[in-house]
Amino acid sequence: MKTKTNELLEQHQQSRTKCLVYTRVMGYYRPVESFNIGKKGEHKQRIHFKEC
């Protein structure tokens, strides 16, 4: 199913760049892409909250 968003992404595919996501692990930051499959799954299940 083609949506307007998908069409825009396809048009600009050449100008897109990879975005690295870092997360804090044991006091330092690591890229999520270096995690094993289990840790990546755990990262996706995390719930983000805003501190009042």
C-alpha atoms as a PDB file:
ATOM      1  CA  MET A   1       0.000   0.000   0.000  1.00  0.00           C
ATOM      2  CA  LYS A   2       1.518   3.284  -1.107  1.00  0.00           C
ATOM      3  CA  THR A   3       0.931   6.236   1.138  1.00  0.00           C
ATOM      4  CA  LYS A   4       2.070   9.806   0.730  1.00  0.00           C
ATOM      5  CA  THR A   5       4.718   9.243   3.406  1.00  0.00           C
ATOM      6  CA  ASN A   6       6.106   6.172   1.631  1.00  0.00           C
ATOM      7  CA  GLU A   7       6.245   8.072  -1.656  1.00  0.00           C
ATOM      8  CA  LEU A   8       8.194  10.915  -0.012  1.00  0.00           C
ATOM      9  CA  LEU A   9      10.639   8.459   1.566  1.00  0.00           C
ATOM     10  CA  GLU A  10      11.227   6.784  -1.773  1.00  0.00           C
ATOM     11  CA  GLN A  11      11.810  10.124  -3.514  1.00  0.00           C
ATOM     12  CA  HIS A  12      14.418  11.183  -0.938  1.00  0.00           C
ATOM     13  CA  GLN A  13      16.105   7.792  -0.439  1.00  0.00           C
ATOM     14  CA  GLN A  14      19.463   9.056  -1.791  1.00  0.00           C
ATOM     15  CA  SER A  15      19.658  11.969   0.666  1.00  0.00           C
ATOM     16  CA  ARG A  16      18.780   9.954   3.782  1.00  0.00           C
ATOM     17  CA  THR A  17      21.487   9.155   6.334  1.00  0.00           C
ATOM     18  CA  LYS A  18      21.722   6.492   9.006  1.00  0.00           C
ATOM     19  CA  CYS A  19      20.831   7.630  12.515  1.00  0.00           C
ATOM     20  CA  LEU A  20      22.641   5.965  15.416  1.00  0.00           C
ATOM     21  CA  VAL A  21      20.665   5.564  18.629  1.00  0.00           C
ATOM     22  CA  TYR A  22      22.658   5.484  21.854  1.00  0.00           C
ATOM     23  CA  THR A  23      21.436   4.402  25.264  1.00  0.00           C
ATOM     24  CA  ARG A  24      23.009   4.490  28.693  1.00  0.00           C
ATOM     25  CA  VAL A  25      24.276   1.137  29.940  1.00  0.00           C
ATOM     26  CA  MET A  26      26.054   0.775  33.288  1.00  0.00           C
ATOM     27  CA  GLY A  27      27.117   4.428  33.433  1.00  0.00           C
ATOM     28  CA  TYR A  28      28.237   4.919  29.827  1.00  0.00           C
ATOM     29  CA  TYR A  29      26.585   5.250  26.415  1.00  0.00           C
ATOM     30  CA  ARG A  30      26.535   2.473  23.793  1.00  0.00           C
ATOM     31  CA  PRO A  31      24.949   2.320  20.334  1.00  0.00           C
ATOM     32  CA  VAL A  32      21.824   0.151  20.292  1.00  0.00           C
ATOM     33  CA  GLU A  33      22.920  -1.471  17.013  1.00  0.00           C
ATOM     34  CA  SER A  34      25.776  -3.209  18.858  1.00  0.00           C
ATOM     35  CA  PHE A  35      23.331  -5.004  21.194  1.00  0.00           C
ATOM     36  CA  ASN A  36      22.544  -8.696  20.797  1.00  0.00           C
ATOM     37  CA  ILE A  37      19.048  -9.696  19.632  1.00  0.00           C
ATOM     38  CA  GLY A  38      17.678 -10.116  23.172  1.00  0.00           C
ATOM     39  CA  LYS A  39      18.930  -6.749  24.367  1.00  0.00           C
ATOM     40  CA  LYS A  40      17.517  -5.045  21.221  1.00  0.00           C
ATOM     41  CA  GLY A  41      14.108  -6.558  22.009  1.00  0.00           C
ATOM     42  CA  GLU A  42      14.324  -5.347  25.593  1.00  0.00           C
ATOM     43  CA  HIS A  43      15.225  -1.851  24.368  1.00  0.00           C
ATOM     44  CA  LYS A  44      12.126  -1.730  22.116  1.00  0.00           C
ATOM     45  CA  GLN A  45       9.876  -2.623  25.068  1.00  0.00           C
ATOM     46  CA  ARG A  46      11.113   0.218  27.271  1.00  0.00           C
ATOM     47  CA  ILE A  47       8.586   2.841  28.274  1.00  0.00           C
ATOM     48  CA  HIS A  48       9.693   6.473  28.137  1.00  0.00           C
ATOM     49  CA  PHE A  49       8.399   8.877  30.759  1.00  0.00           C
ATOM     50  CA  LYS A  50       8.627  12.563  31.548  1.00  0.00           C
ATOM     51  CA  GLU A  51       9.690  13.573  35.014  1.00  0.00           C
ATOM     52  CA  CYS A  52       7.361  16.122  36.589  1.00  0.00           C
END
